[in-house]
Amino acid sequence: MSVSLRVLDDGAWVSVNDAREVSVSELWRLDAPAFCGCDLPDFVVENVLSVGADGRTVSAKVYGQCIACGETGTPGWVPVGRLSDGEFTDIARERVVLPVRNDS
């Protein structure tokens, strides 16, 4: 089953099957030791650059800033949800530490 993944509104949203599912201005806790010197960066998402799926995991490459140290940039691919039978299930990004994948 195919699923449409897109970035909408100049990087403000991740769209799954033409529904806005993940927005910028969220605060995510990341496991991203290569991004900044903070143990677990509190990262505010400012722009979604791209979105993709690796198996059932939907990930986004985002630009933003660590609110603790001020470092800005793109930490890598961050999981934002899961696909099951063509349906998107959101990850509770405000409650979990999100692992960052640094491959292209």
Protein backbone atom coordinates (compact mmCIF):
# COMPACT_ATOMS: atom_id res chain seq x y z
CA MET A 1 0.00 0.00 0.00
CA SER A 2 1.45 3.36 -0.98
CA VAL A 3 1.42 6.37 1.31
CA SER A 4 1.95 9.97 0.22
CA LEU A 5 4.56 11.81 2.33
CA ARG A 6 5.17 15.51 1.63
CA VAL A 7 6.40 18.72 3.19
CA LEU A 8 3.72 21.44 3.06
CA ASP A 9 3.43 25.19 3.55
CA ASP A 10 7.10 26.08 3.00
CA GLY A 11 8.33 23.57 5.57
CA ALA A 12 5.68 24.11 8.24
CA TRP A 13 4.09 20.64 8.10
CA VAL A 14 4.69 16.97 7.37
CA SER A 15 1.74 15.71 5.36
CA VAL A 16 0.75 12.03 5.32
CA ASN A 17 -1.88 11.08 2.74
CA ASP A 18 -2.77 14.78 2.33
CA ALA A 19 -3.38 15.31 6.07
CA ARG A 20 -1.19 17.68 8.11
CA GLU A 21 0.27 15.47 10.83
CA VAL A 22 3.50 17.02 12.23
CA SER A 23 4.11 20.76 12.60
CA VAL A 24 7.02 23.05 13.34
CA SER A 25 7.25 25.01 16.61
CA GLU A 26 7.25 21.77 18.59
CA LEU A 27 9.85 21.08 21.26
CA TRP A 28 11.54 17.68 20.86
CA ARG A 29 14.07 16.00 23.14
CA LEU A 30 16.75 14.42 20.95
CA ASP A 31 19.38 11.77 21.36
CA ALA A 32 21.82 13.61 19.08
CA PRO A 33 25.33 13.74 20.54
CA ALA A 34 26.80 15.02 17.25
CA PHE A 35 24.41 18.01 17.11
CA CYS A 36 25.50 19.97 20.19
CA GLY A 37 27.23 19.53 23.54
CA CYS A 38 24.02 19.02 25.52
CA ASP A 39 23.35 15.52 26.87
CA LEU A 40 19.78 15.46 25.50
CA PRO A 41 19.11 18.59 23.43
CA ASP A 42 15.73 20.28 23.83
CA PHE A 43 15.25 21.09 20.17
CA VAL A 44 12.65 23.52 18.84
CA VAL A 45 11.73 22.66 15.25
CA GLU A 46 11.75 25.69 12.95
CA ASN A 47 11.46 24.09 9.49
CA VAL A 48 10.81 20.67 7.96
CA LEU A 49 13.29 20.13 5.13
CA SER A 50 12.26 16.66 3.93
CA VAL A 51 10.29 13.60 4.94
CA GLY A 52 10.67 9.91 4.17
CA ALA A 53 9.95 6.41 5.36
CA ASP A 54 12.32 3.62 6.31
CA GLY A 55 10.10 0.57 6.50
CA ARG A 56 7.22 1.55 8.77
CA THR A 57 9.00 4.49 10.43
CA VAL A 58 8.27 7.98 9.09
CA SER A 59 11.20 10.35 9.69
CA ALA A 60 11.77 14.02 8.99
CA LYS A 61 14.91 16.02 8.42
CA VAL A 62 14.35 19.28 10.26
CA TYR A 63 16.13 22.54 10.99
CA GLY A 64 15.95 24.11 14.41
CA GLN A 65 17.68 25.19 17.60
CA CYS A 66 18.68 23.71 20.96
CA ILE A 67 17.02 25.95 23.52
CA ALA A 68 19.68 25.21 26.16
CA CYS A 69 22.87 26.12 24.28
CA GLY A 70 21.57 27.95 21.20
CA GLU A 71 23.15 25.64 18.59
CA THR A 72 21.23 25.74 15.30
CA GLY A 73 21.19 23.34 12.38
CA THR A 74 19.95 20.00 11.16
CA PRO A 75 20.53 17.14 13.60
CA GLY A 76 19.68 14.36 11.11
CA TRP A 77 16.63 12.17 10.46
CA VAL A 78 14.21 12.20 13.40
CA PRO A 79 11.36 9.65 13.70
CA VAL A 80 7.95 11.33 13.83
CA GLY A 81 5.52 8.44 13.39
CA ARG A 82 4.78 4.92 12.19
CA LEU A 83 2.80 3.48 9.29
CA SER A 84 0.48 0.52 9.74
CA ASP A 85 -1.86 -0.63 6.96
CA GLY A 86 -1.50 2.76 5.26
CA GLU A 87 -2.45 4.68 8.41
CA PHE A 88 -0.15 7.11 10.23
CA THR A 89 0.33 6.82 13.99
CA ASP A 90 1.97 9.80 15.68
CA ILE A 91 4.91 9.35 18.06
CA ALA A 92 4.36 11.25 21.33
CA ARG A 93 7.34 13.47 20.54
CA GLU A 94 6.82 15.65 23.62
CA ARG A 95 7.14 12.62 25.93
CA VAL A 96 10.00 10.54 24.49
CA VAL A 97 13.66 10.94 23.59
CA LEU A 98 13.89 10.73 19.81
CA PRO A 99 16.89 8.90 18.32
CA VAL A 100 18.53 10.77 15.45
CA ARG A 101 19.83 8.96 12.35
CA ASN A 102 22.68 10.82 10.65
CA ASP A 103 22.75 9.12 7.25
CA SER A 104 21.71 11.02 4.15
